[in-house]
Amino acid sequence: MRPVEHRLPVCRDLFYGGQWHVPQGGYARTVDPATQADLGPVAEANAADVDAAVRAAYEAFPAWRSLAPAERGALLRRLAERVRACADEFAFLDAINCGNPIREMGRDANAAAAQLDYYGGLVREIKGETLPVGDRAINYSVREPWGVVARIVAYNHPLMFLAGKLAPALAAGNTVILKPPAQAPLSAYRLAELVAEVMPAGVVGVLSGDRECGQALVSHPRVRRVALIGSTATGTAVLRGAADKIMPAQLELGGKNPLIICPDADLERALDGAVSGMNFTWAGQSCGSTSRCFVHRSIYEVAIEGIRQRVIERHRCGLPTDPATTMGCLISRAQFDKTMGFIESAHAEGARLVCGGGRPADPALSRGWFIEATVFADVTPSMRLFREEVFGPVLAMTPWDSEDELVEQVNAPEYGLTASIWTRDLARAHKLAARVESGYVWINHSSSHLLGADFGGYKRSGLGREEGLSELLAWTQSKNIFVSLG
């Protein structure tokens, strides 16, 4: 199959107030992480740019919040249609800019459209309540939008996070400033073109930029709520900035997620789940990756060989724009070096290399940040690979004997985003699900999200929940109203 070709965005400026604006912060460059090809200039919003964009959103807020919910929902569904129609374009832009395979990036675009449709249909569920107080008064509550809000997203699913996470905040009546990832902003410019066709001026702003842009959004006095998808370190910085303003923050952060294979599991399905759950397709760059695989000692060596065979057969690095590629590359030199550091530490600390562990041999990939799908066995709780998030294609395997010891090891890291449990014993499945400290648990399954089911983490994996009704309601604040009839 030949690589797909599409145009790159022509306009690389900042979008707010329904128009494009030359950035006061100037321009940076963006590259293809698979080839190091220069993909051209990208706008760098500074604090002055952020202030101008927030002012435009603030001016647009009264009319947007007053629009009938059904009309807001119709506009969201119209935007979903445009995103779906442009799925191939978005797939190309994300593949060439973030290094993930184009086939998967096309699914991302359709997932974003599904979220726009979903929240467009939920607008009538932003309901209040009444409290009986007798026949001389009425007491009721209403839900109101916050005002201007900001969404800051990560580089592993640029378009899906931008368009999909825009949906609940807009549906609730807020005006929104989107900050795309600094490493991969190209799909954001195309999204801004679609927004300009569908949404009233000022309702959505798109500001590409790096740290100064993000910090200015968090600290701006007229930004009333912020949500981040990113690293735990970035989440900590956002939370500190939000605390200065007493502003709520929603954080979807890192994970060091367990996948547990019990001795009675359907082993073939469990091993398939372990490989797919690691998200090697995205080179392991997924906060929900089940990167710690706990296998009962009685089937441990068989499982190691089964995973090795599956990884070698199914995940071979390739150019992201090639539809045949099943595994992409890392986003940057910094992420490449970090991942290789984990591989080196695993060797040094005594883990057993099962497969991978270095660059692929294909000379066509020599300029990109590619690392083979890597599996280590005999990883112990004292090892760095056991405790810390890699955000790269490295799976750690650990044997277990007793369930009490297993649960202790599973819950040891500071993260608690997802978990996957494989067993035929229904009672064991429910008991383990209750004991693991994770916000999203699969039983005899892995990886996939269910739109409408709350997604989010325990501990340092984040605050708040996404992808369900609770996310929509989180973009509102409750007001109580007492009416005396006396």
Protein backbone atom coordinates (compact mmCIF):
# COMPACT_ATOMS: atom_id res chain seq x y z
CA MET A 1 0.00 0.00 0.00
CA ARG A 2 1.27 3.46 -0.87
CA PRO A 3 1.39 6.26 1.70
CA VAL A 4 -1.60 8.58 1.74
CA GLU A 5 -0.98 12.20 0.74
CA HIS A 6 -2.95 15.28 1.80
CA ARG A 7 -2.21 18.96 2.02
CA LEU A 8 -0.72 20.59 5.07
CA PRO A 9 -2.61 23.54 6.60
CA VAL A 10 -1.89 26.83 4.88
CA CYS A 11 -2.86 29.09 7.77
CA ARG A 12 -0.70 28.54 10.88
CA ASP A 13 -1.80 31.58 12.91
CA LEU A 14 -3.94 31.87 16.05
CA PHE A 15 -7.70 31.54 15.78
CA TYR A 16 -10.05 33.49 18.05
CA GLY A 17 -12.98 35.85 17.72
CA GLY A 18 -13.92 34.01 14.53
CA GLN A 19 -10.75 35.20 12.74
CA TRP A 20 -7.08 34.33 12.27
CA HIS A 21 -4.51 36.52 14.02
CA VAL A 22 -0.77 36.85 13.56
CA PRO A 23 0.83 35.73 16.85
CA GLN A 24 2.57 38.34 18.95
CA GLY A 25 4.70 35.49 20.26
CA GLY A 26 6.08 34.72 16.79
CA TYR A 27 6.52 31.31 15.19
CA ALA A 28 8.28 28.03 15.92
CA ARG A 29 8.80 25.01 13.64
CA THR A 30 7.17 21.60 13.74
CA VAL A 31 8.66 18.38 12.37
CA ASP A 32 7.71 14.86 11.36
CA PRO A 33 9.10 12.69 14.20
CA ALA A 34 9.40 9.71 11.84
CA THR A 35 11.68 11.44 9.32
CA GLN A 36 12.71 14.78 10.91
CA ALA A 37 11.25 16.54 7.86
CA ASP A 38 10.43 20.18 8.54
CA LEU A 39 6.65 20.63 8.39
CA GLY A 40 6.78 24.39 8.52
CA PRO A 41 6.00 27.22 10.91
CA VAL A 42 3.50 27.10 13.75
CA ALA A 43 2.20 30.03 15.78
CA GLU A 44 3.53 30.53 19.30
CA ALA A 45 0.95 32.29 21.48
CA ASN A 46 2.37 34.41 24.27
CA ALA A 47 0.57 35.96 27.24
CA ALA A 48 -0.64 38.91 25.17
CA ASP A 49 -2.12 36.55 22.58
CA VAL A 50 -3.85 34.59 25.32
CA ASP A 51 -5.31 37.77 26.76
CA ALA A 52 -6.73 38.80 23.37
CA ALA A 53 -8.24 35.35 22.80
CA VAL A 54 -9.79 35.21 26.27
CA ARG A 55 -11.31 38.65 25.77
CA ALA A 56 -12.91 37.50 22.53
CA ALA A 57 -14.30 34.40 24.23
CA TYR A 58 -15.55 36.50 27.14
CA GLU A 59 -17.43 38.79 24.75
CA ALA A 60 -19.00 35.81 22.98
CA PHE A 61 -20.07 34.08 26.20
CA PRO A 62 -23.38 35.89 26.98
CA ALA A 63 -24.91 35.09 23.59
CA TRP A 64 -23.65 31.50 23.61
CA ARG A 65 -24.95 30.70 27.10
CA SER A 66 -28.32 32.22 26.15
CA LEU A 67 -28.66 30.08 23.03
CA ALA A 68 -31.30 27.39 23.46
CA PRO A 69 -29.68 24.08 24.43
CA ALA A 70 -31.22 22.37 21.42
CA GLU A 71 -29.54 24.90 19.14
CA ARG A 72 -26.17 24.36 20.82
CA GLY A 73 -26.65 20.64 20.37
CA ALA A 74 -27.46 21.07 16.68
CA LEU A 75 -24.27 23.06 16.14
CA LEU A 76 -22.21 20.38 17.87
CA ARG A 77 -23.73 17.71 15.65
CA ARG A 78 -23.02 19.86 12.58
CA LEU A 79 -19.39 20.13 13.65
CA ALA A 80 -19.34 16.35 14.12
CA GLU A 81 -20.45 15.93 10.51
CA ARG A 82 -17.60 18.15 9.29
CA VAL A 83 -15.02 16.32 11.39
CA ARG A 84 -16.26 12.95 10.17
CA ALA A 85 -16.17 14.10 6.54
CA CYS A 86 -12.55 15.24 7.00
CA ALA A 87 -11.39 12.12 8.86
CA ASP A 88 -8.82 11.21 6.21
CA GLU A 89 -7.30 14.70 6.32
CA PHE A 90 -7.09 14.68 10.09
CA ALA A 91 -5.58 11.19 10.05
CA PHE A 92 -2.81 12.34 7.73
CA LEU A 93 -2.05 15.48 9.73
CA ASP A 94 -1.84 13.64 13.04
CA ALA A 95 0.16 10.76 11.56
CA ILE A 96 2.78 13.03 10.01
CA ASN A 97 2.96 15.33 13.04
CA CYS A 98 2.74 12.98 16.05
CA GLY A 99 4.07 9.71 14.62
CA ASN A 100 1.09 7.44 15.16
CA PRO A 101 -0.18 5.19 12.34
CA ILE A 102 -2.56 6.86 9.91
CA ARG A 103 -5.09 4.04 10.13
CA GLU A 104 -5.49 4.57 13.87
CA MET A 105 -5.59 8.34 13.52
CA GLY A 106 -8.59 7.94 11.20
CA ARG A 107 -10.36 6.09 13.99
CA ASP A 108 -9.45 8.98 16.30
CA ALA A 109 -11.27 11.43 14.03
CA ASN A 110 -14.40 9.29 14.05
CA ALA A 111 -14.16 8.93 17.84
CA ALA A 112 -14.01 12.72 18.15
CA ALA A 113 -17.09 13.07 15.95
CA ALA A 114 -18.90 10.51 18.11
CA GLN A 115 -18.17 12.58 21.22
CA LEU A 116 -19.48 15.74 19.54
CA ASP A 117 -22.66 13.86 18.63
CA TYR A 118 -22.98 12.36 22.10
CA TYR A 119 -22.73 15.63 24.00
CA GLY A 120 -24.82 17.41 21.41
CA GLY A 121 -27.58 14.98 22.33
CA LEU A 122 -27.08 15.38 26.10
CA VAL A 123 -27.72 19.13 26.28
CA ARG A 124 -31.21 18.62 27.73
CA GLU A 125 -29.76 16.66 30.66
CA ILE A 126 -28.26 19.78 32.25
CA LYS A 127 -31.06 19.77 34.81
CA GLY A 128 -31.65 21.25 38.23
CA GLU A 129 -33.78 20.03 41.14
CA THR A 130 -36.63 21.23 43.34
CA LEU A 131 -36.75 20.94 47.12
CA PRO A 132 -40.17 20.77 48.83
CA VAL A 133 -40.43 23.54 51.43
CA GLY A 134 -44.19 23.92 51.87
CA ASP A 135 -46.86 25.93 50.06
CA ARG A 136 -45.42 29.38 50.90
CA ALA A 137 -42.14 29.03 49.00
CA ILE A 138 -40.35 27.36 46.12
CA ASN A 139 -36.75 26.21 46.27
CA TYR A 140 -35.00 25.03 43.16
CA SER A 141 -31.54 24.73 41.64
CA VAL A 142 -30.23 25.40 38.16
CA ARG A 143 -26.97 24.54 36.43
CA GLU A 144 -25.07 27.35 34.75
CA PRO A 145 -21.88 27.40 32.66
CA TRP A 146 -18.64 28.67 34.14
CA GLY A 147 -17.84 31.17 31.40
CA VAL A 148 -14.54 31.12 29.51
CA VAL A 149 -12.79 27.78 30.02
CA ALA A 150 -9.57 26.24 28.72
CA ARG A 151 -8.71 22.75 27.50
CA ILE A 152 -5.05 21.76 27.20
CA VAL A 153 -4.41 18.43 25.47
CA ALA A 154 -1.61 15.92 24.87
CA TYR A 155 0.20 14.89 21.70
CA ASN A 156 -0.77 11.22 21.45
CA HIS A 157 -4.31 11.84 20.13
CA PRO A 158 -4.27 15.50 18.99
CA LEU A 159 -7.49 15.77 16.99
CA MET A 160 -9.49 13.34 19.11
CA PHE A 161 -8.63 15.24 22.27
CA LEU A 162 -9.20 18.67 20.73
CA ALA A 163 -12.54 18.05 19.06
CA GLY A 164 -13.88 15.40 21.43
CA LYS A 165 -13.01 17.22 24.64
CA LEU A 166 -14.37 20.47 23.24
CA ALA A 167 -17.83 18.91 23.13
CA PRO A 168 -18.97 18.79 26.80
CA ALA A 169 -17.69 22.27 27.62
CA LEU A 170 -19.51 23.79 24.63
CA ALA A 171 -22.66 21.77 25.26
CA ALA A 172 -22.81 23.17 28.79
CA GLY A 173 -22.77 26.74 27.45
CA ASN A 174 -19.13 27.72 28.02
CA THR A 175 -16.88 29.40 25.49
CA VAL A 176 -13.67 27.47 25.06
CA ILE A 177 -10.00 28.13 24.37
CA LEU A 178 -8.23 25.04 23.03
CA LYS A 179 -4.49 24.63 23.39
CA PRO A 180 -3.19 21.88 21.08
CA PRO A 181 0.03 20.03 21.88
CA ALA A 182 3.16 22.03 21.11
CA GLN A 183 4.71 18.98 19.43
CA ALA A 184 1.79 18.29 17.07
CA PRO A 185 -0.47 21.30 16.37
CA LEU A 186 -1.21 20.80 12.66
CA SER A 187 -4.61 19.13 13.01
CA ALA A 188 -5.70 21.99 15.28
CA TYR A 189 -5.42 24.47 12.41
CA ARG A 190 -7.68 22.34 10.23
CA LEU A 191 -10.14 21.98 13.10
CA ALA A 192 -10.18 25.76 13.49
CA GLU A 193 -11.21 26.06 9.83
CA LEU A 194 -14.19 23.80 10.49
CA VAL A 195 -15.08 25.67 13.67
CA ALA A 196 -15.10 28.91 11.67
CA GLU A 197 -17.67 27.39 9.31
CA VAL A 198 -19.99 26.14 12.05
CA MET A 199 -19.69 28.02 15.33
CA PRO A 200 -20.51 31.66 16.13
CA ALA A 201 -17.50 33.95 16.29
CA GLY A 202 -15.62 33.84 19.58
CA VAL A 203 -17.19 30.67 20.94
CA VAL A 204 -14.06 28.60 20.23
CA GLY A 205 -10.45 29.77 20.16
CA VAL A 206 -7.44 27.72 19.11
CA LEU A 207 -4.05 28.84 20.42
CA SER A 208 -0.96 26.86 19.53
CA GLY A 209 2.04 27.43 21.72
CA ASP A 210 4.23 26.02 24.43
CA ARG A 211 4.63 26.60 28.16
CA GLU A 212 3.99 30.35 28.17
CA CYS A 213 0.66 29.85 26.42
CA GLY A 214 -0.45 27.18 28.88
CA GLN A 215 0.62 29.12 31.93
CA ALA A 216 -1.12 32.26 30.69
CA LEU A 217 -4.35 30.34 30.14
CA VAL A 218 -4.29 28.85 33.64
CA SER A 219 -3.49 32.19 35.32
CA HIS A 220 -5.79 34.44 33.31
CA PRO A 221 -8.41 35.98 35.64
CA ARG A 222 -11.26 35.45 33.15
CA VAL A 223 -10.56 31.76 32.59
CA ARG A 224 -12.90 30.12 35.08
CA ARG A 225 -12.09 26.43 34.67
CA VAL A 226 -9.30 24.41 33.08
CA ALA A 227 -8.89 20.80 32.01
CA LEU A 228 -5.64 19.06 31.12
CA ILE A 229 -4.72 15.80 29.47
CA GLY A 230 -1.01 15.39 30.04
CA SER A 231 1.78 14.28 32.32
CA THR A 232 1.55 14.21 36.09
CA ALA A 233 4.27 16.87 36.27
CA THR A 234 2.27 19.21 34.04
CA GLY A 235 -0.87 18.43 36.03
CA THR A 236 0.90 19.44 39.22
CA ALA A 237 1.87 22.78 37.66
CA VAL A 238 -1.68 23.38 36.42
CA LEU A 239 -3.11 22.54 39.83
CA ARG A 240 -0.75 25.00 41.53
CA GLY A 241 -1.79 27.74 39.12
CA ALA A 242 -5.46 26.92 39.61
CA ALA A 243 -5.05 27.02 43.38
CA ASP A 244 -3.86 30.63 43.21
CA LYS A 245 -7.24 31.53 41.66
CA ILE A 246 -9.37 29.03 43.64
CA MET A 247 -10.30 27.60 40.23
CA PRO A 248 -11.46 24.02 39.63
CA ALA A 249 -9.22 21.86 37.45
CA GLN A 250 -9.91 18.57 35.71
CA LEU A 251 -6.81 16.44 35.19
CA GLU A 252 -6.36 13.24 33.18
CA LEU A 253 -2.75 12.31 33.85
CA GLY A 254 -0.32 9.39 33.78
CA GLY A 255 -0.65 5.72 34.55
CA LYS A 256 1.39 2.65 35.42
CA ASN A 257 -1.47 0.30 34.79
CA PRO A 258 -1.67 -3.40 35.72
CA LEU A 259 -2.97 -6.28 33.66
CA ILE A 260 -3.56 -9.36 35.80
CA ILE A 261 -3.68 -12.88 34.34
CA CYS A 262 -5.08 -15.46 36.75
CA PRO A 263 -4.27 -19.19 36.47
CA ASP A 264 -7.80 -20.00 35.29
CA ALA A 265 -7.91 -17.34 32.55
CA ASP A 266 -8.55 -18.11 28.90
CA LEU A 267 -4.84 -17.77 28.20
CA GLU A 268 -5.01 -17.12 24.46
CA ARG A 269 -7.49 -14.27 24.95
CA ALA A 270 -5.55 -12.94 27.92
CA LEU A 271 -2.31 -12.78 25.97
CA ASP A 272 -4.07 -11.01 23.11
CA GLY A 273 -5.42 -8.57 25.67
CA ALA A 274 -2.00 -8.01 27.21
CA VAL A 275 -0.48 -7.10 23.85
CA SER A 276 -3.34 -4.90 22.70
CA GLY A 277 -3.61 -3.30 26.16
CA MET A 278 0.01 -2.13 25.96
CA ASN A 279 -0.94 0.09 22.99
CA PHE A 280 2.20 -0.71 21.02
CA THR A 281 0.42 0.76 18.00
CA TRP A 282 0.99 4.20 19.55
CA ALA A 283 4.53 3.17 20.57
CA GLY A 284 3.17 2.84 24.11
CA GLN A 285 2.33 6.54 24.25
CA SER A 286 -0.98 6.13 26.02
CA CYS A 287 -1.81 6.94 29.63
CA GLY A 288 -4.13 3.92 29.76
CA SER A 289 -1.54 1.38 28.56
CA THR A 290 -1.47 -1.75 30.74
CA SER A 291 2.31 -1.61 30.97
CA ARG A 292 2.70 -4.00 33.94
CA CYS A 293 1.63 -7.55 33.17
CA PHE A 294 1.19 -9.75 36.26
CA VAL A 295 0.99 -13.46 35.37
CA HIS A 296 0.39 -16.32 37.80
CA ARG A 297 3.62 -18.26 38.23
CA SER A 298 2.03 -21.53 37.06
CA ILE A 299 1.60 -20.14 33.54
CA TYR A 300 4.31 -17.46 33.59
CA GLU A 301 6.85 -18.92 31.14
CA VAL A 302 4.12 -19.97 28.70
CA ALA A 303 2.71 -16.45 28.84
CA ILE A 304 6.12 -14.89 28.20
CA GLU A 305 6.58 -16.92 25.03
CA GLY A 306 3.01 -16.23 23.89
CA ILE A 307 3.45 -12.49 24.31
CA ARG A 308 6.83 -12.56 22.56
CA GLN A 309 5.35 -14.27 19.52
CA ARG A 310 2.38 -11.91 19.34
CA VAL A 311 4.51 -8.78 19.68
CA ILE A 312 6.91 -9.86 16.94
CA GLU A 313 4.09 -10.87 14.59
CA ARG A 314 1.80 -7.88 15.13
CA HIS A 315 3.86 -4.82 15.91
CA ARG A 316 6.61 -3.78 13.56
CA CYS A 317 7.65 -0.17 13.25
CA GLY A 318 6.80 1.62 10.02
CA LEU A 319 6.29 5.06 8.55
CA PRO A 320 3.16 6.54 10.15
CA THR A 321 1.67 7.73 6.84
CA ASP A 322 1.72 4.19 5.40
CA PRO A 323 -1.71 2.56 5.88
CA ALA A 324 0.02 -0.80 6.42
CA THR A 325 1.97 0.42 9.46
CA THR A 326 0.98 -1.21 12.75
CA MET A 327 3.34 0.70 15.08
CA GLY A 328 4.50 4.29 14.97
CA CYS A 329 7.32 6.23 16.57
CA LEU A 330 7.90 8.35 19.64
CA ILE A 331 7.11 12.04 19.48
CA SER A 332 10.57 13.49 20.09
CA ARG A 333 14.23 12.99 20.87
CA ALA A 334 13.48 13.72 24.53
CA GLN A 335 10.89 10.92 24.68
CA PHE A 336 13.20 8.58 22.79
CA ASP A 337 16.04 9.22 25.23
CA LYS A 338 13.75 8.80 28.22
CA THR A 339 12.48 5.45 26.94
CA MET A 340 15.96 4.18 26.15
CA GLY A 341 16.94 5.20 29.68
CA PHE A 342 14.25 2.90 31.05
CA ILE A 343 15.48 0.05 28.85
CA GLU A 344 19.05 0.58 30.06
CA SER A 345 17.95 0.65 33.70
CA ALA A 346 15.94 -2.56 33.24
CA HIS A 347 19.05 -4.29 31.91
CA ALA A 348 21.18 -2.90 34.74
CA GLU A 349 18.71 -3.94 37.45
CA GLY A 350 18.46 -7.54 36.23
CA ALA A 351 15.26 -7.75 34.19
CA ARG A 352 15.19 -10.36 31.40
CA LEU A 353 14.81 -8.97 27.87
CA VAL A 354 12.21 -10.97 25.94
CA CYS A 355 12.14 -8.99 22.69
CA GLY A 356 12.90 -5.58 21.24
CA GLY A 357 15.03 -3.18 23.22
CA GLY A 358 16.48 -1.00 20.49
CA ARG A 359 16.01 0.75 17.18
CA PRO A 360 14.48 -1.19 14.28
CA ALA A 361 16.92 -2.39 11.60
CA ASP A 362 14.99 -0.89 8.64
CA PRO A 363 17.19 1.90 7.20
CA ALA A 364 14.08 3.78 6.07
CA LEU A 365 13.35 4.42 9.76
CA SER A 366 16.84 5.47 10.78
CA ARG A 367 16.04 9.19 11.09
CA GLY A 368 12.91 8.76 13.20
CA TRP A 369 12.39 8.23 16.92
CA PHE A 370 11.54 4.55 16.57
CA ILE A 371 11.99 1.93 19.27
CA GLU A 372 11.00 -1.69 18.77
CA ALA A 373 8.14 -3.13 20.78
CA THR A 374 9.96 -4.20 23.91
CA VAL A 375 9.11 -6.75 26.60
CA PHE A 376 11.00 -7.42 29.83
CA ALA A 377 10.30 -10.36 32.14
CA ASP A 378 11.20 -10.84 35.83
CA VAL A 379 10.55 -7.18 36.65
CA THR A 380 10.46 -6.69 40.43
CA PRO A 381 8.89 -3.92 42.56
CA SER A 382 12.32 -2.46 43.31
CA MET A 383 13.01 -1.72 39.65
CA ARG A 384 12.43 1.67 38.08
CA LEU A 385 10.54 0.02 35.21
CA PHE A 386 8.02 -1.32 37.72
CA ARG A 387 7.32 2.01 39.43
CA GLU A 388 7.54 4.81 36.87
CA GLU A 389 5.55 5.61 33.75
CA VAL A 390 7.60 5.15 30.58
CA PHE A 391 5.14 6.45 27.98
CA GLY A 392 6.98 4.31 25.48
CA PRO A 393 6.74 0.77 24.02
CA VAL A 394 8.04 -1.18 27.02
CA LEU A 395 5.99 -3.91 28.72
CA ALA A 396 7.08 -5.22 32.13
CA MET A 397 6.13 -8.78 33.15
CA THR A 398 6.06 -9.99 36.77
CA PRO A 399 5.07 -13.39 38.22
CA TRP A 400 2.68 -13.64 41.17
CA ASP A 401 1.68 -16.34 43.66
CA SER A 402 -0.81 -15.09 46.28
CA GLU A 403 -3.59 -12.61 45.64
CA ASP A 404 -2.74 -10.54 48.70
CA GLU A 405 0.83 -10.05 47.51
CA LEU A 406 -0.46 -9.38 43.98
CA VAL A 407 -2.81 -6.63 45.13
CA GLU A 408 -0.07 -5.03 47.21
CA GLN A 409 2.24 -4.89 44.18
CA VAL A 410 -0.51 -3.75 41.82
CA ASN A 411 -1.37 -0.81 44.08
CA ALA A 412 2.22 0.12 44.97
CA PRO A 413 2.84 2.88 42.34
CA GLU A 414 1.50 6.39 42.80
CA TYR A 415 -0.76 5.99 39.76
CA GLY A 416 -4.23 4.48 39.46
CA LEU A 417 -5.77 5.02 36.04
CA THR A 418 -6.74 1.67 34.48
CA ALA A 419 -6.51 -2.04 35.25
CA SER A 420 -7.33 -5.24 33.36
CA ILE A 421 -8.21 -8.56 35.02
CA TRP A 422 -8.37 -11.90 33.21
CA THR A 423 -10.14 -14.84 34.89
CA ARG A 424 -13.03 -17.24 34.34
CA ASP A 425 -13.97 -17.01 38.04
CA LEU A 426 -16.70 -14.39 38.39
CA ALA A 427 -16.27 -14.03 42.16
CA ARG A 428 -12.51 -13.57 41.82
CA ALA A 429 -13.02 -10.99 39.07
CA HIS A 430 -15.32 -8.85 41.19
CA LYS A 431 -13.15 -9.14 44.30
CA LEU A 432 -10.00 -8.14 42.44
CA ALA A 433 -11.80 -5.27 40.70
CA ALA A 434 -12.85 -3.98 44.12
CA ARG A 435 -9.32 -4.18 45.51
CA VAL A 436 -7.31 -2.55 42.71
CA GLU A 437 -6.85 1.20 43.09
CA SER A 438 -7.78 2.22 39.56
CA GLY A 439 -10.55 4.37 38.19
CA TYR A 440 -11.34 2.27 35.11
CA VAL A 441 -11.25 -1.54 35.20
CA TRP A 442 -11.69 -4.07 32.41
CA ILE A 443 -12.52 -7.72 33.11
CA ASN A 444 -11.51 -10.10 30.32
CA HIS A 445 -10.95 -7.07 28.12
CA SER A 446 -8.49 -4.21 27.68
CA SER A 447 -7.85 -0.87 26.00
CA SER A 448 -11.22 0.24 24.67
CA HIS A 449 -13.34 3.05 26.11
CA LEU A 450 -17.13 3.05 26.21
CA LEU A 451 -18.64 6.44 25.44
CA GLY A 452 -20.96 7.26 28.34
CA ALA A 453 -18.83 5.40 30.92
CA ASP A 454 -16.86 7.70 33.21
CA PHE A 455 -13.10 7.54 32.59
CA GLY A 456 -10.54 8.86 35.08
CA GLY A 457 -7.97 7.88 37.65
CA TYR A 458 -7.20 7.44 41.32
CA LYS A 459 -4.22 8.93 43.14
CA ARG A 460 -1.80 10.87 40.92
CA SER A 461 -3.56 9.75 37.75
CA GLY A 462 -5.89 12.71 37.90
CA LEU A 463 -8.96 14.52 39.13
CA GLY A 464 -12.46 14.28 37.71
CA ARG A 465 -14.08 12.01 35.16
CA GLU A 466 -14.50 12.22 31.38
CA GLU A 467 -16.54 10.67 28.57
CA GLY A 468 -19.87 10.48 30.41
CA LEU A 469 -22.70 12.60 31.77
CA SER A 470 -20.62 13.59 34.78
CA GLU A 471 -18.12 15.37 32.51
CA LEU A 472 -20.93 17.45 31.01
CA LEU A 473 -22.20 18.40 34.46
CA ALA A 474 -18.67 19.23 35.62
CA TRP A 475 -18.63 22.06 33.08
CA THR A 476 -21.53 23.65 34.97
CA GLN A 477 -21.91 25.08 38.47
CA SER A 478 -25.02 24.77 40.58
CA LYS A 479 -27.07 27.73 41.79
CA ASN A 480 -29.80 27.44 44.41
CA ILE A 481 -32.80 29.79 44.23
CA PHE A 482 -35.32 30.34 47.05
CA VAL A 483 -38.61 32.07 46.16
CA SER A 484 -40.94 33.22 48.93
CA LEU A 485 -44.64 33.18 48.01
CA GLY A 486 -45.74 34.68 51.32
